[in-house]
Amino acid sequence: MTHASVALVLLDEMPFFEVGIACQVFRSVWADSAVPWYGLRLCSTVPGDVRLEFGFTLNAGHGFDALAGADTVVVPALPYAHVESDRPVPSGLTDALAAAHRAGARIVSLCTGAFALAAAGILDGRSAATHWMFADTLQRRYPEVRVDASVLYVDDGNVLSSAGRTAGLDLCLHIVRRDLGADVANRVARTMVVPAHRPGGQAQYVELAVPRTDGDGLGQVLQWAAARLDEPLTVTDLTRRARMSPRTFARRFTAHTGTTPSRWLLDQRLGRARVLLETTDLPVDQVSRRSGLGSAANLRRHFTRHVGVPPTDYRRAFRSRRP
């Protein structure tokens, strides 16, 4: 069963990594299950073989005219020649992107794909993410765009953009979560053996994003805390569990995760609350207790601030669009 159509843009010499991410997430992985999935179409200047970076070849079954009929259009990282030089983005692509945007399609860029969205005028006046190495270039070339080089991805409703490399995977999983719920997104993440959710506001550049070893015990502390979110955990509890001084723990935690201990705890609890709101009929006060946020009022305050809607509205909206 098909949930929605996704058009993936391909260009000659396009980096393979982000193309692979989009193909992996939006392919027909649930074709034999009860979960409707996405119909993925590959689109290029003209139908036919497209030679990507490192000599990989993919066959695009559609031209750029097929973008206008898609529910979602994904632009992976552009060929380096379009980013590192003044070579313009092909007008056929920018025209097709602009037409798809006007027709109501959701437009998504991964890494330097943001340059194509900016060239099409779609990012004018909007916040956007791209790889931190090219953020200054994007801002200089397209001054109407509000470039945010500090985040993993930006969700601006029907226009979304990610930072470089694995941040594109975070954004694709975020889209699945938005469309089909946290339970389905978590299943996809487990299949791909990746974290189920990294918030978009998390820093994209971390000195030790993945520690070389877990000799400091932080990985065990995170697992211990994630299994006890319904308990009144505090940063002090995590610090004691790690057997570190508060200053050392805070420094190592930020190096490990790219965020602070308190924000990590809140993000985990809000993620638990989302799952409970989507998959159970528990009253809001019980959802709040089971996610460790205490009172229903506290859940509503944090949920509204960070998710954008109250918990009851989120549950109603999710169930109204669930297949």
Protein backbone atom coordinates (compact mmCIF):
# COMPACT_ATOMS: atom_id res chain seq x y z
CA MET A 1 0.00 0.00 0.00
CA THR A 2 1.23 3.51 -0.83
CA HIS A 3 1.02 6.28 1.74
CA ALA A 4 2.39 9.17 -0.34
CA SER A 5 4.70 9.76 -3.29
CA VAL A 6 8.30 10.90 -2.86
CA ALA A 7 10.26 12.27 -5.81
CA LEU A 8 14.03 12.03 -5.36
CA VAL A 9 16.14 14.40 -7.46
CA LEU A 10 19.23 12.98 -9.19
CA LEU A 11 22.02 14.85 -10.98
CA ASP A 12 25.23 13.60 -12.59
CA GLU A 13 28.16 13.54 -10.11
CA MET A 14 25.79 13.91 -7.14
CA PRO A 15 27.33 12.54 -3.89
CA PHE A 16 26.05 9.03 -3.28
CA PHE A 17 25.69 9.16 0.52
CA GLU A 18 22.58 11.33 0.83
CA VAL A 19 20.99 9.64 -2.20
CA GLY A 20 21.44 6.33 -0.41
CA ILE A 21 19.88 7.69 2.79
CA ALA A 22 16.74 8.83 1.00
CA CYS A 23 16.44 5.57 -0.95
CA GLN A 24 16.88 3.51 2.20
CA VAL A 25 14.28 5.38 4.25
CA PHE A 26 11.62 5.95 1.58
CA ARG A 27 11.90 2.66 -0.31
CA SER A 28 9.06 0.11 -0.08
CA VAL A 29 10.31 -1.44 3.14
CA TRP A 30 6.76 -2.09 4.42
CA ALA A 31 5.37 -3.41 1.14
CA ASP A 32 4.34 -6.73 2.72
CA SER A 33 2.94 -5.29 5.94
CA ALA A 34 -0.18 -3.45 6.98
CA VAL A 35 1.69 -0.13 7.14
CA PRO A 36 1.24 1.97 3.98
CA TRP A 37 4.61 3.20 2.78
CA TYR A 38 5.93 5.76 0.34
CA GLY A 39 6.02 5.42 -3.42
CA LEU A 40 9.56 6.47 -4.40
CA ARG A 41 10.27 7.82 -7.88
CA LEU A 42 13.74 8.79 -9.13
CA CYS A 43 13.78 11.96 -11.23
CA SER A 44 16.53 13.55 -13.32
CA THR A 45 16.88 16.03 -16.18
CA VAL A 46 15.69 13.30 -18.55
CA PRO A 47 14.77 9.67 -17.79
CA GLY A 48 17.71 7.29 -17.99
CA ASP A 49 20.96 6.40 -16.26
CA VAL A 50 22.49 8.98 -13.91
CA ARG A 51 26.18 8.60 -13.03
CA LEU A 52 26.72 9.53 -9.38
CA GLU A 53 29.90 10.09 -7.39
CA PHE A 54 32.43 7.21 -7.39
CA GLY A 55 30.94 5.79 -10.58
CA PHE A 56 27.67 4.55 -9.10
CA THR A 57 24.81 4.54 -11.58
CA LEU A 58 21.08 4.79 -10.89
CA ASN A 59 18.30 4.71 -13.42
CA ALA A 60 15.90 7.63 -13.18
CA GLY A 61 12.53 6.58 -14.48
CA HIS A 62 11.18 10.15 -14.60
CA GLY A 63 12.16 13.63 -15.72
CA PHE A 64 11.92 16.72 -13.54
CA ASP A 65 8.36 17.28 -14.78
CA ALA A 66 7.33 14.46 -12.40
CA LEU A 67 8.23 16.62 -9.39
CA ALA A 68 5.01 18.61 -9.72
CA GLY A 69 2.86 15.53 -9.06
CA ALA A 70 4.72 14.35 -5.96
CA ASP A 71 3.61 14.80 -2.36
CA THR A 72 7.24 15.24 -1.22
CA VAL A 73 10.32 16.25 -3.23
CA VAL A 74 13.75 15.42 -1.80
CA VAL A 75 16.93 17.10 -3.08
CA PRO A 76 20.09 15.32 -1.82
CA ALA A 77 23.50 16.98 -1.67
CA LEU A 78 24.37 18.73 -4.92
CA PRO A 79 27.47 17.88 -6.96
CA TYR A 80 30.46 19.66 -5.45
CA ALA A 81 30.97 21.69 -8.62
CA HIS A 82 27.67 23.48 -8.01
CA VAL A 83 28.60 24.33 -4.42
CA GLU A 84 32.31 25.09 -4.55
CA SER A 85 32.20 27.13 -7.76
CA ASP A 86 29.82 29.59 -9.37
CA ARG A 87 28.27 26.92 -11.57
CA PRO A 88 24.52 27.55 -11.43
CA VAL A 89 21.98 24.97 -10.40
CA PRO A 90 20.32 23.69 -13.60
CA SER A 91 17.37 25.91 -14.46
CA GLY A 92 15.28 22.87 -15.29
CA LEU A 93 15.63 21.75 -11.67
CA THR A 94 14.95 25.13 -10.07
CA ASP A 95 11.89 25.68 -12.29
CA ALA A 96 10.56 22.21 -11.42
CA LEU A 97 11.16 22.76 -7.69
CA ALA A 98 9.38 26.11 -7.76
CA ALA A 99 6.44 24.56 -9.64
CA ALA A 100 6.21 21.65 -7.17
CA HIS A 101 6.31 24.09 -4.26
CA ARG A 102 3.50 26.17 -5.77
CA ALA A 103 1.49 22.98 -6.31
CA GLY A 104 1.70 22.23 -2.57
CA ALA A 105 4.44 19.62 -2.46
CA ARG A 106 6.58 19.34 0.64
CA ILE A 107 10.15 20.28 -0.36
CA VAL A 108 13.10 18.70 1.47
CA SER A 109 16.84 19.28 1.09
CA LEU A 110 19.64 17.15 2.51
CA CYS A 111 23.04 18.72 3.12
CA THR A 112 23.95 21.07 0.24
CA GLY A 113 20.66 20.35 -1.51
CA ALA A 114 19.65 23.59 0.22
CA PHE A 115 21.51 25.45 -2.55
CA ALA A 116 18.95 24.18 -5.07
CA LEU A 117 16.03 25.24 -2.88
CA ALA A 118 17.63 28.66 -2.41
CA ALA A 119 18.23 29.04 -6.14
CA ALA A 120 14.54 28.30 -6.72
CA GLY A 121 13.55 31.05 -4.25
CA ILE A 122 11.90 28.57 -1.91
CA LEU A 123 14.10 29.49 1.07
CA ASP A 124 13.71 33.27 0.81
CA GLY A 125 12.79 34.58 4.24
CA ARG A 126 13.03 31.12 5.79
CA SER A 127 15.45 29.46 8.19
CA ALA A 128 17.43 26.65 6.61
CA ALA A 129 20.17 24.19 7.51
CA THR A 130 23.06 22.91 5.43
CA HIS A 131 26.47 21.37 6.10
CA TRP A 132 28.36 23.70 8.44
CA MET A 133 31.31 23.80 6.01
CA PHE A 134 29.12 25.45 3.34
CA ALA A 135 26.88 27.57 5.54
CA ASP A 136 28.83 30.80 4.93
CA THR A 137 28.79 30.18 1.17
CA LEU A 138 25.03 29.61 1.19
CA GLN A 139 24.46 32.77 3.22
CA ARG A 140 26.71 34.87 0.99
CA ARG A 141 25.23 33.54 -2.23
CA TYR A 142 21.60 33.79 -1.06
CA PRO A 143 21.35 36.61 1.51
CA GLU A 144 17.54 36.29 1.77
CA VAL A 145 17.94 32.89 3.44
CA ARG A 146 18.37 32.70 7.23
CA VAL A 147 21.08 30.05 7.37
CA ASP A 148 21.39 28.19 10.68
CA ALA A 149 24.70 26.36 10.84
CA SER A 150 24.17 25.17 14.41
CA VAL A 151 21.35 22.64 14.02
CA LEU A 152 20.85 19.17 12.57
CA TYR A 153 17.73 20.09 10.62
CA VAL A 154 15.02 22.72 10.27
CA ASP A 155 11.33 21.85 9.97
CA ASP A 156 9.53 24.88 8.55
CA GLY A 157 6.25 23.15 7.78
CA ASN A 158 6.25 22.26 4.09
CA VAL A 159 9.94 23.16 3.62
CA LEU A 160 12.55 21.14 5.50
CA SER A 161 16.35 21.14 5.33
CA SER A 162 19.13 19.21 7.04
CA ALA A 163 22.78 19.65 7.80
CA GLY A 164 25.39 17.35 6.31
CA ARG A 165 25.76 13.59 6.11
CA THR A 166 23.93 11.65 8.87
CA ALA A 167 21.80 14.69 9.72
CA GLY A 168 19.99 13.85 6.48
CA LEU A 169 19.04 10.51 8.02
CA ASP A 170 17.75 12.31 11.11
CA LEU A 171 15.55 14.50 8.93
CA CYS A 172 14.20 11.58 6.88
CA LEU A 173 13.28 9.71 10.07
CA HIS A 174 11.70 12.91 11.38
CA ILE A 175 9.51 13.02 8.26
CA VAL A 176 8.45 9.41 8.79
CA ARG A 177 7.67 10.26 12.42
CA ARG A 178 5.63 13.26 11.34
CA ASP A 179 3.69 11.28 8.74
CA LEU A 180 3.26 7.87 10.35
CA GLY A 181 4.10 8.30 14.01
CA ALA A 182 6.92 7.57 16.41
CA ASP A 183 6.24 3.83 16.56
CA VAL A 184 6.78 3.37 12.82
CA ALA A 185 9.81 5.70 12.78
CA ASN A 186 11.33 3.75 15.66
CA ARG A 187 10.85 0.47 13.77
CA VAL A 188 12.63 1.90 10.74
CA ALA A 189 15.45 3.20 12.93
CA ARG A 190 15.87 -0.18 14.61
CA THR A 191 16.02 -1.86 11.20
CA MET A 192 18.77 0.56 10.16
CA VAL A 193 20.51 0.25 13.58
CA VAL A 194 20.51 4.00 14.19
CA PRO A 195 19.18 6.22 17.01
CA ALA A 196 15.43 6.60 16.70
CA HIS A 197 15.40 10.35 17.25
CA ARG A 198 17.85 13.21 17.42
CA PRO A 199 16.10 16.56 17.88
CA GLY A 200 16.61 19.04 15.06
CA GLY A 201 17.99 21.67 17.42
CA GLN A 202 20.89 19.48 18.50
CA ALA A 203 24.33 20.78 17.57
CA GLN A 204 25.57 19.44 14.22
CA TYR A 205 29.25 19.72 15.05
CA VAL A 206 30.49 18.00 18.21
CA GLU A 207 34.12 17.38 19.08
CA LEU A 208 33.41 13.77 20.09
CA ALA A 209 30.02 13.04 18.58
CA VAL A 210 30.69 9.30 19.01
CA PRO A 211 33.27 8.49 21.70
CA ARG A 212 36.10 6.22 20.62
CA THR A 213 35.29 3.95 23.55
CA ASP A 214 32.67 3.85 26.25
CA GLY A 215 35.26 3.62 28.96
CA ASP A 216 33.80 6.67 30.69
CA GLY A 217 30.49 4.84 31.14
CA LEU A 218 28.31 7.51 29.56
CA GLY A 219 26.65 5.06 27.18
CA GLN A 220 25.59 2.93 30.13
CA VAL A 221 24.32 6.00 31.96
CA LEU A 222 22.16 6.99 28.98
CA GLN A 223 20.70 3.49 28.71
CA TRP A 224 20.08 3.42 32.46
CA ALA A 225 18.28 6.77 32.33
CA ALA A 226 16.25 5.90 29.21
CA ALA A 227 14.88 2.84 31.00
CA ARG A 228 13.76 4.98 33.97
CA LEU A 229 12.15 8.02 32.39
CA ASP A 230 9.02 7.54 34.50
CA GLU A 231 11.10 8.05 37.64
CA PRO A 232 11.94 11.52 39.02
CA LEU A 233 15.43 11.50 37.53
CA THR A 234 17.56 14.62 37.77
CA VAL A 235 20.89 15.64 36.32
CA THR A 236 22.34 15.01 39.77
CA ASP A 237 21.15 11.39 39.57
CA LEU A 238 22.89 10.96 36.21
CA THR A 239 26.05 12.57 37.56
CA ARG A 240 26.13 10.24 40.54
CA ARG A 241 25.49 7.24 38.31
CA ALA A 242 28.46 8.24 36.16
CA ARG A 243 30.60 8.77 39.30
CA MET A 244 31.94 12.08 38.05
CA SER A 245 32.04 15.59 39.34
CA PRO A 246 29.20 17.79 38.03
CA ARG A 247 31.60 19.86 35.92
CA THR A 248 33.31 16.83 34.35
CA PHE A 249 29.99 15.11 33.71
CA ALA A 250 28.49 18.17 32.01
CA ARG A 251 31.56 18.58 29.79
CA ARG A 252 31.74 14.91 28.76
CA PHE A 253 27.97 14.65 28.31
CA THR A 254 27.91 17.57 25.88
CA ALA A 255 30.87 16.11 23.97
CA HIS A 256 29.06 12.76 23.79
CA THR A 257 25.58 13.94 22.78
CA GLY A 258 25.88 17.52 21.52
CA THR A 259 23.36 18.75 24.09
CA THR A 260 23.12 19.35 27.84
CA PRO A 261 22.03 16.68 30.35
CA SER A 262 18.85 18.57 31.26
CA ARG A 263 17.85 19.10 27.62
CA TRP A 264 18.59 15.45 26.82
CA LEU A 265 16.33 14.30 29.65
CA LEU A 266 13.54 16.61 28.49
CA ASP A 267 13.86 15.45 24.87
CA GLN A 268 13.71 11.80 25.94
CA ARG A 269 10.64 12.43 28.06
CA LEU A 270 8.87 14.34 25.32
CA GLY A 271 9.69 11.50 22.94
CA ARG A 272 8.16 9.00 25.37
CA ALA A 273 5.09 11.22 25.69
CA ARG A 274 4.68 11.30 21.89
CA VAL A 275 4.74 7.52 21.70
CA LEU A 276 2.16 7.19 24.49
CA LEU A 277 -0.11 9.81 22.92
CA GLU A 278 0.07 8.05 19.56
CA THR A 279 -0.20 4.44 20.67
CA THR A 280 -2.42 4.50 23.79
CA ASP A 281 -5.65 6.03 25.08
CA LEU A 282 -4.09 6.95 28.40
CA PRO A 283 -5.32 10.23 29.90
CA VAL A 284 -2.89 13.12 29.67
CA ASP A 285 -2.08 13.01 33.38
CA GLN A 286 -1.02 9.35 33.09
CA VAL A 287 1.01 10.10 29.96
CA SER A 288 2.76 12.82 31.92
CA ARG A 289 3.54 10.53 34.85
CA ARG A 290 4.77 7.66 32.67
CA SER A 291 7.06 9.98 30.72
CA GLY A 292 8.49 11.51 33.88
CA LEU A 293 7.06 15.00 33.38
CA GLY A 294 4.95 14.94 36.53
CA SER A 295 1.67 16.80 36.28
CA ALA A 296 -0.55 17.18 33.23
CA ALA A 297 0.05 20.93 33.39
CA ASN A 298 3.81 20.39 33.19
CA LEU A 299 3.39 18.10 30.17
CA ARG A 300 1.16 20.63 28.42
CA ARG A 301 3.63 23.45 29.08
CA HIS A 302 6.70 21.60 27.77
CA PHE A 303 4.86 19.83 24.94
CA THR A 304 3.32 23.03 23.63
CA ARG A 305 6.63 24.90 23.82
CA HIS A 306 8.76 22.25 22.10
CA VAL A 307 6.32 20.44 19.83
CA GLY A 308 4.12 23.41 18.96
CA VAL A 309 0.70 22.07 19.99
CA PRO A 310 -0.89 20.83 23.24
CA PRO A 311 -0.83 17.06 23.87
CA THR A 312 -4.55 16.58 23.16
CA ASP A 313 -4.30 18.44 19.86
CA TYR A 314 -1.24 16.38 18.93
CA ARG A 315 -3.08 13.13 19.62
CA ARG A 316 -6.13 14.28 17.65
CA ALA A 317 -4.06 15.50 14.70
CA PHE A 318 -1.95 12.34 14.57
CA ARG A 319 -4.96 10.04 14.61
CA SER A 320 -6.75 12.09 11.96
CA ARG A 321 -3.90 11.60 9.47
CA ARG A 322 -3.03 8.03 10.47
CA PRO A 323 -3.89 5.52 7.72
